[in-house]
PDB file of N, CA and C in Angstrom:
ATOM      1  N   MET A   1     102.945  95.683  82.815  1.00  0.00           N
ATOM      2  CA  MET A   1     101.781  96.334  83.367  1.00  0.00           C
ATOM      3  C   MET A   1     101.750  97.781  82.877  1.00  0.00           C
ATOM      4  N   GLN A   2     100.596  98.239  82.465  1.00  0.00           N
ATOM      5  CA  GLN A   2     100.461  99.605  81.972  1.00  0.00           C
ATOM      6  C   GLN A   2     100.314 100.567  83.134  1.00  0.00           C
ATOM      7  N   SER A   3     100.867 101.767  82.953  1.00  0.00           N
ATOM      8  CA  SER A   3     100.645 102.788  83.975  1.00  0.00           C
ATOM      9  C   SER A   3      99.302 103.459  83.701  1.00  0.00           C
ATOM     10  N   ARG A   4      98.695 103.929  84.739  1.00  0.00           N
ATOM     11  CA  ARG A   4      97.380 104.566  84.627  1.00  0.00           C
ATOM     12  C   ARG A   4      97.529 106.061  84.826  1.00  0.00           C
ATOM     13  N   SER A   5      96.657 106.810  84.177  1.00  0.00           N
ATOM     14  CA  SER A   5      96.659 108.253  84.345  1.00  0.00           C
ATOM     15  C   SER A   5      95.405 108.668  85.097  1.00  0.00           C
ATOM     16  N   ALA A   6      95.344 109.924  85.473  1.00  0.00           N
ATOM     17  CA  ALA A   6      94.185 110.444  86.198  1.00  0.00           C
ATOM     18  C   ALA A   6      92.911 110.292  85.369  1.00  0.00           C
ATOM     19  N   SER A   7      93.040 110.261  84.053  1.00  0.00           N
ATOM     20  CA  SER A   7      91.858 110.114  83.206  1.00  0.00           C
ATOM     21  C   SER A   7      91.280 108.703  83.292  1.00  0.00           C
ATOM     22  N   ASP A   8      92.038 107.759  83.854  1.00  0.00           N
ATOM     23  CA  ASP A   8      91.565 106.391  84.009  1.00  0.00           C
ATOM     24  C   ASP A   8      90.734 106.201  85.275  1.00  0.00           C
ATOM     25  N   LEU A   9      90.554 107.257  86.047  1.00  0.00           N
ATOM     26  CA  LEU A   9      89.757 107.138  87.262  1.00  0.00           C
ATOM     27  C   LEU A   9      88.313 106.815  86.912  1.00  0.00           C
ATOM     28  N   MET A  10      87.731 105.948  87.692  1.00  0.00           N
ATOM     29  CA  MET A  10      86.337 105.561  87.499  1.00  0.00           C
ATOM     30  C   MET A  10      85.564 105.956  88.751  1.00  0.00           C
ATOM     31  N   ILE A  11      84.355 106.423  88.558  1.00  0.00           N
ATOM     32  CA  ILE A  11      83.518 106.841  89.670  1.00  0.00           C
ATOM     33  C   ILE A  11      82.345 105.877  89.794  1.00  0.00           C
ATOM     34  N   TYR A  12      82.151 105.371  90.998  1.00  0.00           N
ATOM     35  CA  TYR A  12      81.008 104.510  91.293  1.00  0.00           C
ATOM     36  C   TYR A  12      80.503 104.902  92.673  1.00  0.00           C
ATOM     37  N   ARG A  13      79.232 105.287  92.724  1.00  0.00           N
ATOM     38  CA  ARG A  13      78.612 105.732  93.983  1.00  0.00           C
ATOM     39  C   ARG A  13      79.453 106.793  94.685  1.00  0.00           C
ATOM     40  N   ASP A  14      79.833 107.777  93.912  1.00  0.00           N
ATOM     41  CA  ASP A  14      80.582 108.937  94.401  1.00  0.00           C
ATOM     42  C   ASP A  14      81.959 108.600  94.973  1.00  0.00           C
ATOM     43  N   LYS A  15      82.487 107.454  94.638  1.00  0.00           N
ATOM     44  CA  LYS A  15      83.823 107.078  95.092  1.00  0.00           C
ATOM     45  C   LYS A  15      84.702 106.867  93.868  1.00  0.00           C
ATOM     46  N   GLU A  16      85.956 107.300  93.960  1.00  0.00           N
ATOM     47  CA  GLU A  16      86.893 107.143  92.854  1.00  0.00           C
ATOM     48  C   GLU A  16      87.610 105.806  92.948  1.00  0.00           C
ATOM     49  N   TYR A  17      87.749 105.159  91.801  1.00  0.00           N
ATOM     50  CA  TYR A  17      88.474 103.892  91.712  1.00  0.00           C
ATOM     51  C   TYR A  17      89.510 104.008  90.614  1.00  0.00           C
ATOM     52  N   LYS A  18      90.644 103.395  90.826  1.00  0.00           N
ATOM     53  CA  LYS A  18      91.706 103.399  89.830  1.00  0.00           C
ATOM     54  C   LYS A  18      91.786 102.068  89.092  1.00  0.00           C
ATOM     55  N   CYS A  19      91.015 101.096  89.558  1.00  0.00           N
ATOM     56  CA  CYS A  19      91.106  99.753  88.997  1.00  0.00           C
ATOM     57  C   CYS A  19      89.711  99.190  88.760  1.00  0.00           C
ATOM     58  N   GLY A  20      89.503  98.649  87.564  1.00  0.00           N
ATOM     59  CA  GLY A  20      88.217  98.061  87.223  1.00  0.00           C
ATOM     60  C   GLY A  20      87.837  96.890  88.117  1.00  0.00           C
ATOM     61  N   ILE A  21      88.831  96.165  88.605  1.00  0.00           N
ATOM     62  CA  ILE A  21      88.547  95.054  89.513  1.00  0.00           C
ATOM     63  C   ILE A  21      87.888  95.573  90.783  1.00  0.00           C
ATOM     64  N   ASP A  22      88.374  96.687  91.280  1.00  0.00           N
ATOM     65  CA  ASP A  22      87.787  97.274  92.487  1.00  0.00           C
ATOM     66  C   ASP A  22      86.340  97.706  92.259  1.00  0.00           C
ATOM     67  N   VAL A  23      86.056  98.240  91.080  1.00  0.00           N
ATOM     68  CA  VAL A  23      84.680  98.634  90.751  1.00  0.00           C
ATOM     69  C   VAL A  23      83.797  97.381  90.689  1.00  0.00           C
ATOM     70  N   THR A  24      84.278  96.361  90.002  1.00  0.00           N
ATOM     71  CA  THR A  24      83.510  95.117  89.897  1.00  0.00           C
ATOM     72  C   THR A  24      83.206  94.547  91.272  1.00  0.00           C
ATOM     73  N   LEU A  25      84.197  94.504  92.139  1.00  0.00           N
ATOM     74  CA  LEU A  25      83.983  93.983  93.489  1.00  0.00           C
ATOM     75  C   LEU A  25      83.048  94.872  94.299  1.00  0.00           C
ATOM     76  N   ALA A  26      83.088  96.163  94.064  1.00  0.00           N
ATOM     77  CA  ALA A  26      82.164  97.067  94.761  1.00  0.00           C
ATOM     78  C   ALA A  26      80.723  96.796  94.336  1.00  0.00           C
ATOM     79  N   VAL A  27      80.527  96.441  93.072  1.00  0.00           N
ATOM     80  CA  VAL A  27      79.183  96.196  92.555  1.00  0.00           C
ATOM     81  C   VAL A  27      78.669  94.817  92.968  1.00  0.00           C
ATOM     82  N   VAL A  28      79.483  93.780  92.827  1.00  0.00           N
ATOM     83  CA  VAL A  28      79.000  92.412  93.073  1.00  0.00           C
ATOM     84  C   VAL A  28      79.641  91.763  94.296  1.00  0.00           C
ATOM     85  N   GLY A  29      80.384  92.529  95.065  1.00  0.00           N
ATOM     86  CA  GLY A  29      81.141  91.967  96.170  1.00  0.00           C
ATOM     87  C   GLY A  29      80.403  91.806  97.476  1.00  0.00           C
ATOM     88  N   GLY A  30      79.118  92.102  97.529  1.00  0.00           N
ATOM     89  CA  GLY A  30      78.369  91.858  98.751  1.00  0.00           C
ATOM     90  C   GLY A  30      78.360  90.373  99.056  1.00  0.00           C
ATOM     91  N   LYS A  31      78.080  90.021 100.280  1.00  0.00           N
ATOM     92  CA  LYS A  31      78.171  88.622 100.701  1.00  0.00           C
ATOM     93  C   LYS A  31      77.366  87.683  99.809  1.00  0.00           C
ATOM     94  N   TRP A  32      76.205  88.110  99.345  1.00  0.00           N
ATOM     95  CA  TRP A  32      75.323  87.227  98.584  1.00  0.00           C
ATOM     96  C   TRP A  32      75.140  87.645  97.126  1.00  0.00           C
ATOM     97  N   LYS A  33      75.656  88.795  96.730  1.00  0.00           N
ATOM     98  CA  LYS A  33      75.344  89.341  95.414  1.00  0.00           C
ATOM     99  C   LYS A  33      75.749  88.434  94.260  1.00  0.00           C
ATOM    100  N   ALA A  34      76.958  87.934  94.261  1.00  0.00           N
ATOM    101  CA  ALA A  34      77.398  87.087  93.145  1.00  0.00           C
ATOM    102  C   ALA A  34      76.533  85.829  93.061  1.00  0.00           C
ATOM    103  N   SER A  35      76.202  85.257  94.205  1.00  0.00           N
ATOM    104  CA  SER A  35      75.355  84.058  94.208  1.00  0.00           C
ATOM    105  C   SER A  35      73.939  84.370  93.743  1.00  0.00           C
ATOM    106  N   ILE A  36      73.422  85.512  94.132  1.00  0.00           N
ATOM    107  CA  ILE A  36      72.092  85.929  93.661  1.00  0.00           C
ATOM    108  C   ILE A  36      72.109  86.041  92.142  1.00  0.00           C
ATOM    109  N   LEU A  37      73.118  86.711  91.610  1.00  0.00           N
ATOM    110  CA  LEU A  37      73.226  86.866  90.163  1.00  0.00           C
ATOM    111  C   LEU A  37      73.345  85.509  89.475  1.00  0.00           C
ATOM    112  N   TRP A  38      74.104  84.609  90.070  1.00  0.00           N
ATOM    113  CA  TRP A  38      74.272  83.271  89.497  1.00  0.00           C
ATOM    114  C   TRP A  38      72.919  82.553  89.397  1.00  0.00           C
ATOM    115  N   HIS A  39      72.150  82.587  90.476  1.00  0.00           N
ATOM    116  CA  HIS A  39      70.849  81.911  90.485  1.00  0.00           C
ATOM    117  C   HIS A  39      69.864  82.567  89.511  1.00  0.00           C
ATOM    118  N   LEU A  40      69.889  83.894  89.443  1.00  0.00           N
ATOM    119  CA  LEU A  40      68.975  84.590  88.534  1.00  0.00           C
ATOM    120  C   LEU A  40      69.376  84.394  87.076  1.00  0.00           C
ATOM    121  N   ALA A  41      70.625  84.058  86.834  1.00  0.00           N
ATOM    122  CA  ALA A  41      71.048  83.768  85.458  1.00  0.00           C
ATOM    123  C   ALA A  41      70.422  82.463  84.971  1.00  0.00           C
ATOM    124  N   GLN A  42      70.068  81.602  85.910  1.00  0.00           N
ATOM    125  CA  GLN A  42      69.464  80.317  85.562  1.00  0.00           C
ATOM    126  C   GLN A  42      67.971  80.466  85.283  1.00  0.00           C
ATOM    127  N   GLN A  43      67.306  81.374  86.045  1.00  0.00           N
ATOM    128  CA  GLN A  43      65.854  81.533  85.905  1.00  0.00           C
ATOM    129  C   GLN A  43      65.360  82.754  86.672  1.00  0.00           C
ATOM    130  N   THR A  44      64.191  83.238  86.298  1.00  0.00           N
ATOM    131  CA  THR A  44      63.499  84.272  87.058  1.00  0.00           C
ATOM    132  C   THR A  44      63.028  83.632  88.351  1.00  0.00           C
ATOM    133  N   MET A  45      63.164  84.363  89.460  1.00  0.00           N
ATOM    134  CA  MET A  45      62.812  83.782  90.749  1.00  0.00           C
ATOM    135  C   MET A  45      61.998  84.758  91.590  1.00  0.00           C
ATOM    136  N   ARG A  46      61.122  84.190  92.402  1.00  0.00           N
ATOM    137  CA  ARG A  46      60.389  84.975  93.384  1.00  0.00           C
ATOM    138  C   ARG A  46      61.265  85.126  94.623  1.00  0.00           C
ATOM    139  N   PHE A  47      60.909  86.101  95.452  1.00  0.00           N
ATOM    140  CA  PHE A  47      61.695  86.356  96.659  1.00  0.00           C
ATOM    141  C   PHE A  47      61.776  85.100  97.526  1.00  0.00           C
ATOM    142  N   SER A  48      60.656  84.417  97.701  1.00  0.00           N
ATOM    143  CA  SER A  48      60.645  83.225  98.551  1.00  0.00           C
ATOM    144  C   SER A  48      61.562  82.137  97.993  1.00  0.00           C
ATOM    145  N   ASP A  49      61.666  82.030  96.667  1.00  0.00           N
ATOM    146  CA  ASP A  49      62.577  81.060  96.059  1.00  0.00           C
ATOM    147  C   ASP A  49      64.028  81.418  96.374  1.00  0.00           C
ATOM    148  N   LEU A  50      64.330  82.697  96.264  1.00  0.00           N
ATOM    149  CA  LEU A  50      65.683  83.154  96.591  1.00  0.00           C
ATOM    150  C   LEU A  50      65.985  82.929  98.069  1.00  0.00           C
ATOM    151  N   GLN A  51      65.023  83.197  98.906  1.00  0.00           N
ATOM    152  CA  GLN A  51      65.222  83.030 100.339  1.00  0.00           C
ATOM    153  C   GLN A  51      65.526  81.563 100.677  1.00  0.00           C
ATOM    154  N   ARG A  52      64.886  80.639  99.992  1.00  0.00           N
ATOM    155  CA  ARG A  52      65.172  79.215 100.207  1.00  0.00           C
ATOM    156  C   ARG A  52      66.597  78.864  99.765  1.00  0.00           C
ATOM    157  N   GLN A  53      67.070  79.513  98.707  1.00  0.00           N
ATOM    158  CA  GLN A  53      68.431  79.262  98.227  1.00  0.00           C
ATOM    159  C   GLN A  53      69.483  79.770  99.208  1.00  0.00           C
ATOM    160  N   PHE A  54      69.124  80.824  99.939  1.00  0.00           N
ATOM    161  CA  PHE A  54      70.078  81.457 100.844  1.00  0.00           C
ATOM    162  C   PHE A  54      69.577  81.382 102.282  1.00  0.00           C
ATOM    163  N   ALA A  55      69.456  80.172 102.761  1.00  0.00           N
ATOM    164  CA  ALA A  55      68.924  79.940 104.105  1.00  0.00           C
ATOM    165  C   ALA A  55      69.808  80.581 105.177  1.00  0.00           C
ATOM    166  N   GLY A  56      71.060  80.852 104.858  1.00  0.00           N
ATOM    167  CA  GLY A  56      71.979  81.436 105.832  1.00  0.00           C
ATOM    168  C   GLY A  56      71.880  82.942 105.953  1.00  0.00           C
ATOM    169  N   THR A  57      70.942  83.559 105.262  1.00  0.00           N
ATOM    170  CA  THR A  57      70.802  85.013 105.328  1.00  0.00           C
ATOM    171  C   THR A  57      69.438  85.382 105.887  1.00  0.00           C
ATOM    172  N   THR A  58      69.354  86.601 106.358  1.00  0.00           N
ATOM    173  CA  THR A  58      68.072  87.095 106.855  1.00  0.00           C
ATOM    174  C   THR A  58      67.286  87.710 105.709  1.00  0.00           C
ATOM    175  N   ARG A  59      66.004  87.846 105.913  1.00  0.00           N
ATOM    176  CA  ARG A  59      65.125  88.493 104.925  1.00  0.00           C
ATOM    177  C   ARG A  59      65.618  89.911 104.650  1.00  0.00           C
ATOM    178  N   LYS A  60      66.018  90.617 105.709  1.00  0.00           N
ATOM    179  CA  LYS A  60      66.489  91.991 105.583  1.00  0.00           C
ATOM    180  C   LYS A  60      67.758  92.067 104.722  1.00  0.00           C
ATOM    181  N   MET A  61      68.707  91.153 104.950  1.00  0.00           N
ATOM    182  CA  MET A  61      69.962  91.165 104.197  1.00  0.00           C
ATOM    183  C   MET A  61      69.715  90.831 102.721  1.00  0.00           C
ATOM    184  N   LEU A  62      68.875  89.836 102.467  1.00  0.00           N
ATOM    185  CA  LEU A  62      68.570  89.475 101.083  1.00  0.00           C
ATOM    186  C   LEU A  62      67.886  90.640 100.370  1.00  0.00           C
ATOM    187  N   THR A  63      66.951  91.280 101.047  1.00  0.00           N
ATOM    188  CA  THR A  63      66.263  92.442 100.476  1.00  0.00           C
ATOM    189  C   THR A  63      67.261  93.549 100.156  1.00  0.00           C
ATOM    190  N   GLN A  64      68.176  93.818 101.079  1.00  0.00           N
ATOM    191  CA  GLN A  64      69.184  94.870 100.873  1.00  0.00           C
ATOM    192  C   GLN A  64      70.064  94.550  99.665  1.00  0.00           C
ATOM    193  N   GLN A  65      70.523  93.305  99.560  1.00  0.00           N
ATOM    194  CA  GLN A  65      71.380  92.918  98.442  1.00  0.00           C
ATOM    195  C   GLN A  65      70.628  93.041  97.110  1.00  0.00           C
ATOM    196  N   LEU A  66      69.369  92.608  97.093  1.00  0.00           N
ATOM    197  CA  LEU A  66      68.561  92.721  95.874  1.00  0.00           C
ATOM    198  C   LEU A  66      68.325  94.175  95.501  1.00  0.00           C
ATOM    199  N   ARG A  67      68.060  95.016  96.474  1.00  0.00           N
ATOM    200  CA  ARG A  67      67.838  96.448  96.194  1.00  0.00           C
ATOM    201  C   ARG A  67      69.088  97.094  95.607  1.00  0.00           C
ATOM    202  N   GLU A  68      70.252  96.736  96.137  1.00  0.00           N
ATOM    203  CA  GLU A  68      71.496  97.298  95.608  1.00  0.00           C
ATOM    204  C   GLU A  68      71.737  96.826  94.179  1.00  0.00           C
ATOM    205  N   LEU A  69      71.485  95.545  93.925  1.00  0.00           N
ATOM    206  CA  LEU A  69      71.645  95.032  92.560  1.00  0.00           C
ATOM    207  C   LEU A  69      70.655  95.688  91.602  1.00  0.00           C
ATOM    208  N   GLU A  70      69.455  95.954  92.093  1.00  0.00           N
ATOM    209  CA  GLU A  70      68.450  96.643  91.284  1.00  0.00           C
ATOM    210  C   GLU A  70      68.883  98.086  91.017  1.00  0.00           C
ATOM    211  N   ALA A  71      69.371  98.762  92.047  1.00  0.00           N
ATOM    212  CA  ALA A  71      69.825 100.154  91.895  1.00  0.00           C
ATOM    213  C   ALA A  71      70.993 100.259  90.912  1.00  0.00           C
ATOM    214  N   ASP A  72      71.813  99.215  90.863  1.00  0.00           N
ATOM    215  CA  ASP A  72      72.959  99.207  89.946  1.00  0.00           C
ATOM    216  C   ASP A  72      72.589  98.736  88.547  1.00  0.00           C
ATOM    217  N   GLY A  73      71.306  98.418  88.343  1.00  0.00           N
ATOM    218  CA  GLY A  73      70.836  98.048  87.018  1.00  0.00           C
ATOM    219  C   GLY A  73      71.131  96.618  86.609  1.00  0.00           C
ATOM    220  N   LEU A  74      71.462  95.756  87.576  1.00  0.00           N
ATOM    221  CA  LEU A  74      71.767  94.368  87.246  1.00  0.00           C
ATOM    222  C   LEU A  74      70.557  93.448  87.394  1.00  0.00           C
ATOM    223  N   VAL A  75      69.633  93.838  88.261  1.00  0.00           N
ATOM    224  CA  VAL A  75      68.462  93.015  88.543  1.00  0.00           C
ATOM    225  C   VAL A  75      67.202  93.828  88.273  1.00  0.00           C
ATOM    226  N   HIS A  76      66.222  93.153  87.679  1.00  0.00           N
ATOM    227  CA  HIS A  76      64.912  93.769  87.446  1.00  0.00           C
ATOM    228  C   HIS A  76      63.930  93.174  88.445  1.00  0.00           C
ATOM    229  N   ARG A  77      63.146  94.027  89.078  1.00  0.00           N
ATOM    230  CA  ARG A  77      62.130  93.611  90.040  1.00  0.00           C
ATOM    231  C   ARG A  77      60.767  93.885  89.423  1.00  0.00           C
ATOM    232  N   GLU A  78      59.997  92.834  89.233  1.00  0.00           N
ATOM    233  CA  GLU A  78      58.668  92.949  88.640  1.00  0.00           C
ATOM    234  C   GLU A  78      57.626  92.671  89.715  1.00  0.00           C
ATOM    235  N   VAL A  79      56.756  93.668  89.959  1.00  0.00           N
ATOM    236  CA  VAL A  79      55.683  93.522  90.950  1.00  0.00           C
ATOM    237  C   VAL A  79      54.374  93.359  90.187  1.00  0.00           C
ATOM    238  N   TYR A  80      53.673  92.264  90.467  1.00  0.00           N
ATOM    239  CA  TYR A  80      52.401  91.994  89.814  1.00  0.00           C
ATOM    240  C   TYR A  80      51.264  92.481  90.705  1.00  0.00           C
ATOM    241  N   PRO A  81      50.303  93.218  90.119  1.00  0.00           N
ATOM    242  CA  PRO A  81      49.206  93.791  90.912  1.00  0.00           C
ATOM    243  C   PRO A  81      48.153  92.733  91.277  1.00  0.00           C
ATOM    244  N   GLN A  82      48.428  92.020  92.316  1.00  0.00           N
ATOM    245  CA  GLN A  82      47.497  91.004  92.793  1.00  0.00           C
ATOM    246  C   GLN A  82      47.631  90.885  94.307  1.00  0.00           C
ATOM    247  N   VAL A  83      46.699  90.191  94.910  1.00  0.00           N
ATOM    248  CA  VAL A  83      46.734  89.972  96.353  1.00  0.00           C
ATOM    249  C   VAL A  83      46.780  88.473  96.583  1.00  0.00           C
ATOM    250  N   PRO A  84      47.769  87.973  97.319  1.00  0.00           N
ATOM    251  CA  PRO A  84      48.917  88.705  97.857  1.00  0.00           C
ATOM    252  C   PRO A  84      49.858  89.126  96.727  1.00  0.00           C
ATOM    253  N   PRO A  85      50.678  90.145  96.986  1.00  0.00           N
ATOM    254  CA  PRO A  85      51.564  90.647  95.936  1.00  0.00           C
ATOM    255  C   PRO A  85      52.537  89.561  95.457  1.00  0.00           C
ATOM    256  N   LYS A  86      52.767  89.562  94.178  1.00  0.00           N
ATOM    257  CA  LYS A  86      53.732  88.645  93.578  1.00  0.00           C
ATOM    258  C   LYS A  86      54.882  89.482  93.044  1.00  0.00           C
ATOM    259  N   VAL A  87      56.097  89.144  93.461  1.00  0.00           N
ATOM    260  CA  VAL A  87      57.285  89.865  93.032  1.00  0.00           C
ATOM    261  C   VAL A  87      58.268  88.861  92.448  1.00  0.00           C
ATOM    262  N   GLU A  88      58.757  89.152  91.260  1.00  0.00           N
ATOM    263  CA  GLU A  88      59.746  88.295  90.613  1.00  0.00           C
ATOM    264  C   GLU A  88      61.003  89.096  90.307  1.00  0.00           C
ATOM    265  N   TYR A  89      62.131  88.414  90.392  1.00  0.00           N
ATOM    266  CA  TYR A  89      63.423  89.025  90.100  1.00  0.00           C
ATOM    267  C   TYR A  89      64.051  88.312  88.912  1.00  0.00           C
ATOM    268  N   SER A  90      64.657  89.095  88.037  1.00  0.00           N
ATOM    269  CA  SER A  90      65.359  88.559  86.880  1.00  0.00           C
ATOM    270  C   SER A  90      66.551  89.455  86.586  1.00  0.00           C
ATOM    271  N   LEU A  91      67.420  88.967  85.724  1.00  0.00           N
ATOM    272  CA  LEU A  91      68.582  89.770  85.338  1.00  0.00           C
ATOM    273  C   LEU A  91      68.232  90.710  84.197  1.00  0.00           C
ATOM    274  N   THR A  92      68.786  91.892  84.248  1.00  0.00           N
ATOM    275  CA  THR A  92      68.709  92.818  83.121  1.00  0.00           C
ATOM    276  C   THR A  92      69.797  92.416  82.126  1.00  0.00           C
ATOM    277  N   GLU A  93      69.839  93.086  80.994  1.00  0.00           N
ATOM    278  CA  GLU A  93      70.916  92.823  80.032  1.00  0.00           C
ATOM    279  C   GLU A  93      72.276  93.098  80.676  1.00  0.00           C
ATOM    280  N   LYS A  94      72.349  94.165  81.451  1.00  0.00           N
ATOM    281  CA  LYS A  94      73.601  94.486  82.144  1.00  0.00           C
ATOM    282  C   LYS A  94      73.944  93.379  83.141  1.00  0.00           C
ATOM    283  N   GLY A  95      72.938  92.868  83.825  1.00  0.00           N
ATOM    284  CA  GLY A  95      73.154  91.767  84.763  1.00  0.00           C
ATOM    285  C   GLY A  95      73.626  90.505  84.056  1.00  0.00           C
ATOM    286  N   LYS A  96      73.055  90.237  82.888  1.00  0.00           N
ATOM    287  CA  LYS A  96      73.462  89.058  82.118  1.00  0.00           C
ATOM    288  C   LYS A  96      74.908  89.165  81.658  1.00  0.00           C
ATOM    289  N   SER A  97      75.390  90.383  81.492  1.00  0.00           N
ATOM    290  CA  SER A  97      76.749  90.575  80.994  1.00  0.00           C
ATOM    291  C   SER A  97      77.815  90.108  81.981  1.00  0.00           C
ATOM    292  N   ILE A  98      77.469  89.956  83.240  1.00  0.00           N
ATOM    293  CA  ILE A  98      78.467  89.501  84.215  1.00  0.00           C
ATOM    294  C   ILE A  98      78.517  87.980  84.321  1.00  0.00           C
ATOM    295  N   PHE A  99      77.557  87.291  83.694  1.00  0.00           N
ATOM    296  CA  PHE A  99      77.510  85.839  83.815  1.00  0.00           C
ATOM    297  C   PHE A  99      78.809  85.151  83.377  1.00  0.00           C
ATOM    298  N   PRO A 100      79.435  85.534  82.263  1.00  0.00           N
ATOM    299  CA  PRO A 100      80.690  84.856  81.891  1.00  0.00           C
ATOM    300  C   PRO A 100      81.759  84.953  82.977  1.00  0.00           C
ATOM    301  N   ILE A 101      81.799  86.066  83.677  1.00  0.00           N
ATOM    302  CA  ILE A 101      82.770  86.227  84.763  1.00  0.00           C
ATOM    303  C   ILE A 101      82.430  85.276  85.907  1.00  0.00           C
ATOM    304  N   LEU A 102      81.151  85.200  86.270  1.00  0.00           N
ATOM    305  CA  LEU A 102      80.726  84.294  87.340  1.00  0.00           C
ATOM    306  C   LEU A 102      80.994  82.845  86.957  1.00  0.00           C
ATOM    307  N   ASP A 103      80.750  82.521  85.693  1.00  0.00           N
ATOM    308  CA  ASP A 103      81.004  81.170  85.206  1.00  0.00           C
ATOM    309  C   ASP A 103      82.490  80.831  85.318  1.00  0.00           C
ATOM    310  N   MET A 104      83.341  81.776  84.954  1.00  0.00           N
ATOM    311  CA  MET A 104      84.786  81.566  85.070  1.00  0.00           C
ATOM    312  C   MET A 104      85.201  81.410  86.535  1.00  0.00           C
ATOM    313  N   MET A 105      84.547  82.147  87.429  1.00  0.00           N
ATOM    314  CA  MET A 105      84.849  82.009  88.856  1.00  0.00           C
ATOM    315  C   MET A 105      84.496  80.607  89.352  1.00  0.00           C
ATOM    316  N   CYS A 106      83.379  80.072  88.887  1.00  0.00           N
ATOM    317  CA  CYS A 106      82.995  78.703  89.261  1.00  0.00           C
ATOM    318  C   CYS A 106      84.009  77.697  88.736  1.00  0.00           C
ATOM    319  N   ASP A 107      84.423  77.865  87.489  1.00  0.00           N
ATOM    320  CA  ASP A 107      85.434  76.971  86.911  1.00  0.00           C
ATOM    321  C   ASP A 107      86.736  77.053  87.693  1.00  0.00           C
ATOM    322  N   TRP A 108      87.134  78.272  88.037  1.00  0.00           N
ATOM    323  CA  TRP A 108      88.367  78.456  88.797  1.00  0.00           C
ATOM    324  C   TRP A 108      88.280  77.745  90.145  1.00  0.00           C
ATOM    325  N   ALA A 109      87.140  77.854  90.802  1.00  0.00           N
ATOM    326  CA  ALA A 109      86.965  77.213  92.118  1.00  0.00           C
ATOM    327  C   ALA A 109      87.093  75.692  91.994  1.00  0.00           C
ATOM    328  N   ARG A 110      86.486  75.130  90.951  1.00  0.00           N
ATOM    329  CA  ARG A 110      86.579  73.679  90.753  1.00  0.00           C
ATOM    330  C   ARG A 110      88.045  73.263  90.539  1.00  0.00           C
ATOM    331  N   GLN A 111      88.751  74.031  89.729  1.00  0.00           N
ATOM    332  CA  GLN A 111      90.169  73.724  89.487  1.00  0.00           C
ATOM    333  C   GLN A 111      90.986  73.898  90.768  1.00  0.00           C
ATOM    334  N   TYR A 112      90.736  74.947  91.488  1.00  0.00           N
ATOM    335  CA  TYR A 112      91.471  75.227  92.734  1.00  0.00           C
ATOM    336  C   TYR A 112      91.257  74.103  93.736  1.00  0.00           C
ATOM    337  N   LEU A 113      90.030  73.666  93.900  1.00  0.00           N
ATOM    338  CA  LEU A 113      89.732  72.613  94.855  1.00  0.00           C
ATOM    339  C   LEU A 113      90.169  71.237  94.356  1.00  0.00           C
ATOM    340  N   GLY A 114      90.314  71.112  93.048  1.00  0.00           N
ATOM    341  CA  GLY A 114      90.737  69.842  92.481  1.00  0.00           C
ATOM    342  C   GLY A 114      92.229  69.616  92.532  1.00  0.00           C
ATOM    343  N   ASP A 115      93.000  70.667  92.726  1.00  0.00           N
ATOM    344  CA  ASP A 115      94.473  70.551  92.752  1.00  0.00           C
ATOM    345  C   ASP A 115      94.971  69.950  94.045  1.00  0.00           C
TER     346      ASP A 115
END
């Protein structure tokens, strides 16, 4: 294991981290964030579609998780000027970059449960 120096400190939302894993978990570690990213990697979705996927969450919680992912540059929110308003969510390039990690997590879960 390599030792880390003070120059290896990472800052995310005004908090210092010494480990990239901790930063990753801070970004995608919300209760629904990884699952939201997984679903958006498959297709662009409207809020109501996402809400159906996550029946165990409230509208407020889903909105909060999406806003945080948007603020972190992982999710793009497109609002169409029509009545009623149409809002679609998709992954940004940065959001797409986490898909291999999520895919590996799914594979790991299958192996873990299969043992």
